[in-house]
Amino acid sequence: MPEKVCDNCGSGDAVVHLTQIVNNEMTTCDLCERCAAEKGLEATPEMGNFPLTDFLAQMGDDTSLGGSAGSDEACAFCGLTFGDFRKIGRLGCPQCYETFGGHLNGLLRRLHGGTQHVGKVYLPPDPSASQMEKRLETLKRRLARAVDSEDFERAAAIRDEIRTLEPAR
């Protein structure tokens, strides 16, 4: 397999793959160490391979992962232990969030600034009736808040979303 050549100078071996998005246009280029340094980038390919737990350990206090006290605790659904999570940095299934919830709160607080999800909610293509009911309840609460705050544009968008979901029930 041939070595990649630097897209900037054309002479050095490319060691950095740079992707930039400017004004909604994506550009990519491969750079040698010298050209990457000129752009203020370091050629450290191994940085992306650290598991989450190693990243947190580098940040300093690793107590956000609950120390070694919960390493024998295991998820009843998939069997992943907390020690395994600490090693690989990934949970095994959705039930792991409940099983290890006490240990994950500190981690989530450090990474995201909180432990409550406030973003978009993923709905599978064919949600069950209980999931649909929860989604409708959430939308109705959001609608009430939008009306209370007199944000009528947002309220209208939420109302329309509720209308699209209600006939499907």
N, C-alpha and C. Protein backbone atom coordinates (compact mmCIF):
# COMPACT_ATOMS: atom_id res chain seq x y z
N MET A 1 0.85 -1.18 0.00
CA MET A 1 0.00 0.00 0.00
C MET A 1 0.89 1.24 0.00
N PRO A 2 0.71 2.15 -0.96
CA PRO A 2 1.57 3.33 -1.05
C PRO A 2 1.28 4.30 0.08
N GLU A 3 2.35 4.99 0.53
CA GLU A 3 2.21 6.00 1.56
C GLU A 3 1.48 7.21 0.98
N LYS A 4 0.67 7.85 1.82
CA LYS A 4 -0.01 9.06 1.36
C LYS A 4 0.97 10.22 1.36
N VAL A 5 0.82 11.08 0.37
CA VAL A 5 1.68 12.25 0.23
C VAL A 5 0.92 13.47 0.74
N CYS A 6 1.62 14.40 1.31
CA CYS A 6 1.04 15.61 1.85
C CYS A 6 0.33 16.40 0.74
N ASP A 7 -0.95 16.74 0.98
CA ASP A 7 -1.71 17.51 -0.01
C ASP A 7 -1.25 18.96 -0.08
N ASN A 8 -0.57 19.45 0.97
CA ASN A 8 -0.17 20.84 1.02
C ASN A 8 1.15 21.08 0.28
N CYS A 9 2.20 20.32 0.65
CA CYS A 9 3.51 20.55 0.04
C CYS A 9 3.85 19.50 -1.03
N GLY A 10 3.18 18.35 -1.00
CA GLY A 10 3.40 17.32 -2.00
C GLY A 10 4.67 16.52 -1.83
N SER A 11 5.46 16.81 -0.79
CA SER A 11 6.72 16.09 -0.67
C SER A 11 6.78 15.12 0.52
N GLY A 12 6.22 15.51 1.64
CA GLY A 12 6.33 14.68 2.84
C GLY A 12 5.25 13.61 2.91
N ASP A 13 5.51 12.58 3.75
CA ASP A 13 4.51 11.54 4.00
C ASP A 13 3.41 12.12 4.89
N ALA A 14 2.16 11.93 4.47
CA ALA A 14 1.02 12.46 5.22
C ALA A 14 0.82 11.62 6.49
N VAL A 15 0.75 12.30 7.63
CA VAL A 15 0.54 11.62 8.92
C VAL A 15 -0.71 12.14 9.63
N VAL A 16 -1.28 13.23 9.12
CA VAL A 16 -2.48 13.82 9.72
C VAL A 16 -3.55 13.93 8.65
N HIS A 17 -4.74 13.45 8.96
CA HIS A 17 -5.88 13.61 8.06
C HIS A 17 -6.74 14.71 8.67
N LEU A 18 -6.86 15.85 7.99
CA LEU A 18 -7.59 17.02 8.49
C LEU A 18 -8.91 17.17 7.76
N THR A 19 -9.99 17.24 8.52
CA THR A 19 -11.32 17.50 7.96
C THR A 19 -11.81 18.81 8.54
N GLN A 20 -12.17 19.75 7.69
CA GLN A 20 -12.67 21.05 8.13
C GLN A 20 -14.03 21.31 7.50
N ILE A 21 -14.91 21.96 8.28
CA ILE A 21 -16.21 22.38 7.76
C ILE A 21 -16.28 23.90 7.93
N VAL A 22 -16.33 24.60 6.81
CA VAL A 22 -16.41 26.06 6.80
C VAL A 22 -17.58 26.45 5.92
N ASN A 23 -18.50 27.24 6.46
CA ASN A 23 -19.69 27.68 5.73
C ASN A 23 -20.44 26.49 5.13
N ASN A 24 -20.64 25.46 5.93
CA ASN A 24 -21.36 24.25 5.53
C ASN A 24 -20.71 23.48 4.39
N GLU A 25 -19.41 23.71 4.12
CA GLU A 25 -18.69 22.97 3.10
C GLU A 25 -17.54 22.23 3.76
N MET A 26 -17.49 20.92 3.52
CA MET A 26 -16.46 20.09 4.12
C MET A 26 -15.29 19.91 3.17
N THR A 27 -14.09 20.09 3.71
CA THR A 27 -12.88 19.81 2.93
C THR A 27 -12.00 18.89 3.76
N THR A 28 -11.28 18.01 3.07
CA THR A 28 -10.36 17.11 3.74
C THR A 28 -9.01 17.20 3.07
N CYS A 29 -7.96 17.01 3.86
CA CYS A 29 -6.62 16.97 3.29
C CYS A 29 -5.72 16.15 4.21
N ASP A 30 -4.70 15.56 3.60
CA ASP A 30 -3.69 14.81 4.33
C ASP A 30 -2.44 15.68 4.40
N LEU A 31 -1.86 15.78 5.61
CA LEU A 31 -0.72 16.68 5.82
C LEU A 31 0.47 15.94 6.41
N CYS A 32 1.66 16.40 6.04
CA CYS A 32 2.88 15.88 6.67
C CYS A 32 3.04 16.57 8.03
N GLU A 33 4.01 16.12 8.82
CA GLU A 33 4.18 16.69 10.16
C GLU A 33 4.48 18.18 10.10
N ARG A 34 5.32 18.61 9.15
CA ARG A 34 5.70 20.01 9.06
C ARG A 34 4.50 20.90 8.72
N CYS A 35 3.72 20.50 7.70
CA CYS A 35 2.54 21.29 7.30
C CYS A 35 1.47 21.28 8.40
N ALA A 36 1.33 20.15 9.08
CA ALA A 36 0.37 20.07 10.17
C ALA A 36 0.79 21.03 11.29
N ALA A 37 2.09 21.06 11.60
CA ALA A 37 2.59 21.96 12.65
C ALA A 37 2.35 23.42 12.28
N GLU A 38 2.51 23.75 10.99
CA GLU A 38 2.26 25.12 10.53
C GLU A 38 0.81 25.53 10.74
N LYS A 39 -0.09 24.55 10.67
CA LYS A 39 -1.52 24.82 10.89
C LYS A 39 -1.90 24.69 12.37
N GLY A 40 -0.90 24.42 13.22
CA GLY A 40 -1.16 24.31 14.65
C GLY A 40 -1.67 22.95 15.08
N LEU A 41 -1.43 21.93 14.28
CA LEU A 41 -1.88 20.57 14.60
C LEU A 41 -0.70 19.71 14.98
N GLU A 42 -0.95 18.73 15.86
CA GLU A 42 0.09 17.79 16.23
C GLU A 42 -0.21 16.45 15.61
N ALA A 43 0.81 15.74 15.20
CA ALA A 43 0.65 14.41 14.62
C ALA A 43 0.68 13.38 15.74
N THR A 44 -0.48 13.15 16.36
CA THR A 44 -0.57 12.18 17.45
C THR A 44 -1.71 11.22 17.13
N PRO A 45 -1.51 10.28 16.21
CA PRO A 45 -2.57 9.38 15.82
C PRO A 45 -3.07 8.49 16.94
N GLU A 46 -2.21 8.19 17.93
CA GLU A 46 -2.64 7.31 19.00
C GLU A 46 -3.63 7.98 19.95
N MET A 47 -3.77 9.28 19.91
CA MET A 47 -4.69 9.97 20.82
C MET A 47 -6.13 9.49 20.64
N GLY A 48 -6.56 9.20 19.42
CA GLY A 48 -7.93 8.78 19.18
C GLY A 48 -8.23 7.36 19.64
N ASN A 49 -7.22 6.60 20.01
CA ASN A 49 -7.43 5.21 20.37
C ASN A 49 -7.60 4.98 21.87
N PHE A 50 -7.50 6.02 22.70
CA PHE A 50 -7.65 5.83 24.14
C PHE A 50 -9.09 5.56 24.49
N PRO A 51 -9.33 4.54 25.31
CA PRO A 51 -10.70 4.34 25.79
C PRO A 51 -11.13 5.51 26.67
N LEU A 52 -12.41 5.64 26.84
CA LEU A 52 -12.97 6.73 27.62
C LEU A 52 -12.39 6.77 29.02
N THR A 53 -12.22 5.63 29.63
CA THR A 53 -11.70 5.61 31.00
C THR A 53 -10.27 6.13 31.06
N ASP A 54 -9.44 5.82 30.05
CA ASP A 54 -8.08 6.35 30.02
C ASP A 54 -8.10 7.87 29.86
N PHE A 55 -9.01 8.36 29.02
CA PHE A 55 -9.16 9.79 28.84
C PHE A 55 -9.49 10.47 30.16
N LEU A 56 -10.42 9.89 30.90
CA LEU A 56 -10.80 10.47 32.19
C LEU A 56 -9.66 10.41 33.19
N ALA A 57 -8.90 9.32 33.16
CA ALA A 57 -7.77 9.20 34.07
C ALA A 57 -6.74 10.27 33.76
N GLN A 58 -6.56 10.61 32.48
CA GLN A 58 -5.62 11.66 32.11
C GLN A 58 -6.10 13.02 32.60
N MET A 59 -7.42 13.19 32.69
CA MET A 59 -7.97 14.46 33.17
C MET A 59 -7.70 14.66 34.65
N GLY A 60 -7.34 13.59 35.34
CA GLY A 60 -7.05 13.72 36.76
C GLY A 60 -7.87 12.78 37.59
N ASP A 61 -8.77 13.30 38.36
CA ASP A 61 -9.55 12.54 39.32
C ASP A 61 -10.39 11.47 38.64
N ASP A 62 -10.06 10.20 38.87
CA ASP A 62 -10.79 9.10 38.26
C ASP A 62 -11.91 8.60 39.16
N THR A 63 -12.20 9.31 40.25
CA THR A 63 -13.24 8.87 41.17
C THR A 63 -14.62 9.03 40.57
N SER A 64 -14.74 9.72 39.47
CA SER A 64 -16.06 9.86 38.83
C SER A 64 -16.57 8.52 38.35
N LEU A 65 -15.69 7.53 38.23
CA LEU A 65 -16.11 6.20 37.82
C LEU A 65 -16.33 5.28 39.01
N GLY A 66 -16.34 5.83 40.19
CA GLY A 66 -16.71 5.06 41.37
C GLY A 66 -15.60 4.21 41.94
N GLY A 67 -14.34 4.43 41.54
CA GLY A 67 -13.26 3.65 42.11
C GLY A 67 -13.41 2.18 41.77
N SER A 68 -12.80 1.31 42.56
CA SER A 68 -12.87 -0.11 42.27
C SER A 68 -13.99 -0.80 43.03
N ALA A 69 -14.75 -0.05 43.84
CA ALA A 69 -15.76 -0.66 44.69
C ALA A 69 -16.82 -1.42 43.90
N GLY A 70 -17.23 -0.92 42.73
CA GLY A 70 -18.31 -1.55 41.99
C GLY A 70 -17.85 -2.44 40.86
N SER A 71 -16.56 -2.85 40.86
CA SER A 71 -16.06 -3.59 39.71
C SER A 71 -16.66 -4.99 39.60
N ASP A 72 -17.21 -5.56 40.68
CA ASP A 72 -17.83 -6.89 40.62
C ASP A 72 -19.30 -6.82 40.23
N GLU A 73 -19.90 -5.64 40.30
CA GLU A 73 -21.31 -5.47 39.94
C GLU A 73 -21.47 -5.78 38.45
N ALA A 74 -22.53 -6.53 38.10
CA ALA A 74 -22.73 -6.93 36.71
C ALA A 74 -24.15 -6.62 36.26
N CYS A 75 -24.31 -6.29 34.98
CA CYS A 75 -25.62 -6.07 34.39
C CYS A 75 -26.33 -7.41 34.27
N ALA A 76 -27.56 -7.51 34.78
CA ALA A 76 -28.31 -8.75 34.74
C ALA A 76 -28.70 -9.13 33.31
N PHE A 77 -28.76 -8.15 32.40
CA PHE A 77 -29.20 -8.43 31.04
C PHE A 77 -28.06 -8.94 30.15
N CYS A 78 -26.94 -8.19 30.13
CA CYS A 78 -25.86 -8.56 29.21
C CYS A 78 -24.64 -9.16 29.90
N GLY A 79 -24.58 -9.05 31.24
CA GLY A 79 -23.47 -9.65 31.98
C GLY A 79 -22.23 -8.79 32.09
N LEU A 80 -22.22 -7.60 31.51
CA LEU A 80 -21.07 -6.72 31.60
C LEU A 80 -20.84 -6.31 33.04
N THR A 81 -19.61 -6.40 33.50
CA THR A 81 -19.30 -5.95 34.86
C THR A 81 -18.84 -4.51 34.81
N PHE A 82 -18.88 -3.86 35.95
CA PHE A 82 -18.41 -2.48 35.99
C PHE A 82 -16.91 -2.42 35.72
N GLY A 83 -16.20 -3.44 36.14
CA GLY A 83 -14.76 -3.51 35.84
C GLY A 83 -14.52 -3.58 34.34
N ASP A 84 -15.38 -4.35 33.63
CA ASP A 84 -15.25 -4.41 32.17
C ASP A 84 -15.51 -3.04 31.55
N PHE A 85 -16.52 -2.34 32.06
CA PHE A 85 -16.81 -1.00 31.54
C PHE A 85 -15.61 -0.08 31.73
N ARG A 86 -14.98 -0.18 32.90
CA ARG A 86 -13.80 0.66 33.17
C ARG A 86 -12.68 0.36 32.19
N LYS A 87 -12.56 -0.90 31.77
CA LYS A 87 -11.49 -1.29 30.85
C LYS A 87 -11.77 -0.85 29.41
N ILE A 88 -13.02 -1.08 28.95
CA ILE A 88 -13.32 -0.83 27.53
C ILE A 88 -13.97 0.52 27.28
N GLY A 89 -14.56 1.15 28.32
CA GLY A 89 -15.15 2.48 28.15
C GLY A 89 -16.49 2.48 27.44
N ARG A 90 -17.13 1.30 27.30
CA ARG A 90 -18.42 1.22 26.64
C ARG A 90 -19.35 0.32 27.45
N LEU A 91 -20.62 0.69 27.45
CA LEU A 91 -21.62 -0.14 28.11
C LEU A 91 -22.09 -1.20 27.13
N GLY A 92 -22.64 -2.29 27.67
CA GLY A 92 -23.03 -3.40 26.82
C GLY A 92 -24.43 -3.34 26.27
N CYS A 93 -25.36 -2.68 27.00
CA CYS A 93 -26.75 -2.67 26.56
C CYS A 93 -27.47 -1.51 27.26
N PRO A 94 -28.72 -1.21 26.89
CA PRO A 94 -29.45 -0.11 27.53
C PRO A 94 -29.67 -0.33 29.04
N GLN A 95 -29.77 -1.59 29.47
CA GLN A 95 -29.99 -1.85 30.89
C GLN A 95 -28.76 -1.51 31.73
N CYS A 96 -27.59 -1.45 31.12
CA CYS A 96 -26.37 -1.08 31.84
C CYS A 96 -26.49 0.31 32.45
N TYR A 97 -27.22 1.20 31.78
CA TYR A 97 -27.38 2.55 32.31
C TYR A 97 -28.08 2.53 33.66
N GLU A 98 -29.05 1.63 33.82
CA GLU A 98 -29.75 1.52 35.09
C GLU A 98 -28.88 0.80 36.11
N THR A 99 -28.24 -0.29 35.69
CA THR A 99 -27.41 -1.07 36.59
C THR A 99 -26.28 -0.24 37.18
N PHE A 100 -25.58 0.53 36.34
CA PHE A 100 -24.43 1.29 36.77
C PHE A 100 -24.74 2.77 36.98
N GLY A 101 -26.02 3.11 37.06
CA GLY A 101 -26.44 4.52 37.16
C GLY A 101 -25.73 5.30 38.26
N GLY A 102 -25.58 4.70 39.43
CA GLY A 102 -24.92 5.39 40.53
C GLY A 102 -23.48 5.75 40.21
N HIS A 103 -22.79 4.88 39.49
CA HIS A 103 -21.40 5.12 39.13
C HIS A 103 -21.28 6.10 37.97
N LEU A 104 -22.30 6.11 37.11
CA LEU A 104 -22.22 6.92 35.89
C LEU A 104 -22.57 8.39 36.11
N ASN A 105 -23.29 8.70 37.18
CA ASN A 105 -23.71 10.09 37.39
C ASN A 105 -22.54 11.06 37.44
N GLY A 106 -21.49 10.72 38.17
CA GLY A 106 -20.31 11.60 38.24
C GLY A 106 -19.65 11.75 36.89
N LEU A 107 -19.55 10.64 36.16
CA LEU A 107 -18.96 10.67 34.83
C LEU A 107 -19.77 11.56 33.89
N LEU A 108 -21.08 11.37 33.88
CA LEU A 108 -21.94 12.18 33.01
C LEU A 108 -21.88 13.66 33.38
N ARG A 109 -21.82 13.94 34.66
CA ARG A 109 -21.76 15.33 35.11
C ARG A 109 -20.47 15.99 34.60
N ARG A 110 -19.35 15.25 34.64
CA ARG A 110 -18.07 15.80 34.18
C ARG A 110 -18.05 15.99 32.67
N LEU A 111 -18.62 15.03 31.93
CA LEU A 111 -18.56 15.11 30.47
C LEU A 111 -19.59 16.06 29.88
N HIS A 112 -20.81 16.05 30.44
CA HIS A 112 -21.91 16.79 29.83
C HIS A 112 -22.43 17.96 30.66
N GLY A 113 -21.93 18.11 31.89
CA GLY A 113 -22.38 19.21 32.72
C GLY A 113 -23.69 18.93 33.44
N GLY A 114 -24.21 17.73 33.33
CA GLY A 114 -25.46 17.37 34.00
C GLY A 114 -25.75 15.90 33.78
N THR A 115 -26.82 15.42 34.44
CA THR A 115 -27.17 14.01 34.32
C THR A 115 -28.53 13.81 33.69
N GLN A 116 -29.23 14.87 33.34
CA GLN A 116 -30.54 14.78 32.69
C GLN A 116 -30.38 14.99 31.19
N HIS A 117 -31.00 14.14 30.41
CA HIS A 117 -30.97 14.31 28.95
C HIS A 117 -31.94 15.43 28.57
N VAL A 118 -31.45 16.39 27.80
CA VAL A 118 -32.30 17.51 27.39
C VAL A 118 -32.33 17.68 25.87
N GLY A 119 -31.75 16.75 25.15
CA GLY A 119 -31.71 16.85 23.70
C GLY A 119 -32.85 16.11 23.05
N LYS A 120 -32.66 15.79 21.79
CA LYS A 120 -33.68 15.08 21.03
C LYS A 120 -33.78 13.64 21.51
N VAL A 121 -34.95 13.08 21.34
CA VAL A 121 -35.20 11.71 21.75
C VAL A 121 -35.33 10.85 20.51
N TYR A 122 -34.60 9.76 20.47
CA TYR A 122 -34.68 8.85 19.34
C TYR A 122 -35.92 7.98 19.50
N LEU A 123 -36.72 7.91 18.45
CA LEU A 123 -37.85 6.99 18.42
C LEU A 123 -37.59 5.95 17.34
N PRO A 124 -37.69 4.69 17.69
CA PRO A 124 -37.49 3.67 16.66
C PRO A 124 -38.58 3.80 15.59
N PRO A 125 -38.35 3.22 14.42
CA PRO A 125 -39.31 3.36 13.33
C PRO A 125 -40.73 2.94 13.71
N ASP A 126 -40.88 1.92 14.54
CA ASP A 126 -42.21 1.46 14.93
C ASP A 126 -42.28 1.40 16.46
N PRO A 127 -42.44 2.55 17.12
CA PRO A 127 -42.41 2.55 18.58
C PRO A 127 -43.62 1.83 19.17
N SER A 128 -43.41 1.24 20.33
CA SER A 128 -44.51 0.57 21.01
C SER A 128 -45.49 1.61 21.54
N ALA A 129 -46.65 1.14 21.95
CA ALA A 129 -47.69 2.05 22.45
C ALA A 129 -47.21 2.81 23.67
N SER A 130 -46.48 2.16 24.57
CA SER A 130 -46.02 2.86 25.78
C SER A 130 -44.99 3.92 25.44
N GLN A 131 -44.10 3.63 24.47
CA GLN A 131 -43.13 4.63 24.04
C GLN A 131 -43.83 5.82 23.40
N MET A 132 -44.83 5.53 22.58
CA MET A 132 -45.58 6.60 21.92
C MET A 132 -46.31 7.45 22.96
N GLU A 133 -46.87 6.80 23.97
CA GLU A 133 -47.58 7.54 25.01
C GLU A 133 -46.62 8.45 25.79
N LYS A 134 -45.44 7.94 26.10
CA LYS A 134 -44.43 8.76 26.79
C LYS A 134 -44.04 9.95 25.93
N ARG A 135 -43.84 9.71 24.64
CA ARG A 135 -43.46 10.78 23.71
C ARG A 135 -44.55 11.85 23.65
N LEU A 136 -45.80 11.43 23.59
CA LEU A 136 -46.92 12.39 23.55
C LEU A 136 -47.00 13.18 24.85
N GLU A 137 -46.80 12.53 25.99
CA GLU A 137 -46.82 13.24 27.28
C GLU A 137 -45.73 14.30 27.32
N THR A 138 -44.54 13.92 26.85
CA THR A 138 -43.42 14.87 26.82
C THR A 138 -43.74 16.06 25.92
N LEU A 139 -44.28 15.77 24.75
CA LEU A 139 -44.63 16.86 23.82
C LEU A 139 -45.71 17.77 24.40
N LYS A 140 -46.68 17.20 25.10
CA LYS A 140 -47.74 18.02 25.69
C LYS A 140 -47.18 18.92 26.79
N ARG A 141 -46.23 18.40 27.58
CA ARG A 141 -45.59 19.25 28.60
C ARG A 141 -44.80 20.38 27.93
N ARG A 142 -44.07 20.04 26.86
CA ARG A 142 -43.32 21.07 26.13
C ARG A 142 -44.26 22.10 25.53
N LEU A 143 -45.40 21.65 25.03
CA LEU A 143 -46.39 22.57 24.48
C LEU A 143 -46.90 23.53 25.55
N ALA A 144 -47.21 23.01 26.72
CA ALA A 144 -47.69 23.86 27.81
C ALA A 144 -46.63 24.88 28.21
N ARG A 145 -45.37 24.47 28.29
CA ARG A 145 -44.30 25.41 28.63
C ARG A 145 -44.14 26.48 27.55
N ALA A 146 -44.24 26.08 26.28
CA ALA A 146 -44.11 27.04 25.19
C ALA A 146 -45.24 28.06 25.23
N VAL A 147 -46.46 27.61 25.51
CA VAL A 147 -47.60 28.53 25.60
C VAL A 147 -47.42 29.46 26.79
N ASP A 148 -47.00 28.91 27.95
CA ASP A 148 -46.78 29.72 29.15
C ASP A 148 -45.74 30.81 28.92
N SER A 149 -44.69 30.47 28.14
CA SER A 149 -43.64 31.45 27.88
C SER A 149 -43.95 32.31 26.65
N GLU A 150 -45.15 32.11 26.09
CA GLU A 150 -45.62 32.87 24.93
C GLU A 150 -44.71 32.72 23.72
N ASP A 151 -44.11 31.53 23.58
CA ASP A 151 -43.31 31.21 22.41
C ASP A 151 -44.22 30.45 21.45
N PHE A 152 -45.05 31.21 20.74
CA PHE A 152 -46.11 30.62 19.95
C PHE A 152 -45.61 29.89 18.70
N GLU A 153 -44.47 30.30 18.16
CA GLU A 153 -43.91 29.58 17.01
C GLU A 153 -43.52 28.17 17.41
N ARG A 154 -42.82 28.08 18.54
CA ARG A 154 -42.42 26.76 19.02
C ARG A 154 -43.65 25.95 19.40
N ALA A 155 -44.63 26.60 20.02
CA ALA A 155 -45.87 25.90 20.42
C ALA A 155 -46.59 25.34 19.19
N ALA A 156 -46.61 26.09 18.11
CA ALA A 156 -47.27 25.61 16.89
C ALA A 156 -46.54 24.41 16.31
N ALA A 157 -45.21 24.44 16.34
CA ALA A 157 -44.43 23.31 15.82
C ALA A 157 -44.67 22.07 16.67
N ILE A 158 -44.73 22.24 17.98
CA ILE A 158 -44.98 21.11 18.88
C ILE A 158 -46.40 20.59 18.67
N ARG A 159 -47.36 21.49 18.53
CA ARG A 159 -48.74 21.08 18.27
C ARG A 159 -48.85 20.23 17.01
N ASP A 160 -48.14 20.66 15.96
CA ASP A 160 -48.16 19.92 14.70
C ASP A 160 -47.54 18.53 14.88
N GLU A 161 -46.47 18.46 15.67
CA GLU A 161 -45.84 17.17 15.92
C GLU A 161 -46.78 16.25 16.70
N ILE A 162 -47.50 16.81 17.66
CA ILE A 162 -48.49 16.03 18.42
C ILE A 162 -49.57 15.51 17.48
N ARG A 163 -50.02 16.34 16.58
CA ARG A 163 -51.08 15.93 15.64
C ARG A 163 -50.62 14.78 14.73
N THR A 164 -49.35 14.81 14.36
CA THR A 164 -48.85 13.72 13.50
C THR A 164 -48.74 12.40 14.27
N LEU A 165 -48.53 12.48 15.57
CA LEU A 165 -48.38 11.26 16.37
C LEU A 165 -49.71 10.71 16.86
N GLU A 166 -50.69 11.57 17.16
CA GLU A 166 -51.95 11.11 17.75
C GLU A 166 -52.76 10.19 16.85
N PRO A 167 -52.91 10.44 15.56
CA PRO A 167 -53.70 9.52 14.73
C PRO A 167 -53.08 8.11 14.66
N ALA A 168 -51.78 8.03 14.86
CA ALA A 168 -51.11 6.75 14.76
C ALA A 168 -51.37 5.87 15.98
N ARG A 169 -51.98 6.39 17.00
CA ARG A 169 -52.22 5.63 18.24
C ARG A 169 -53.28 4.60 18.09
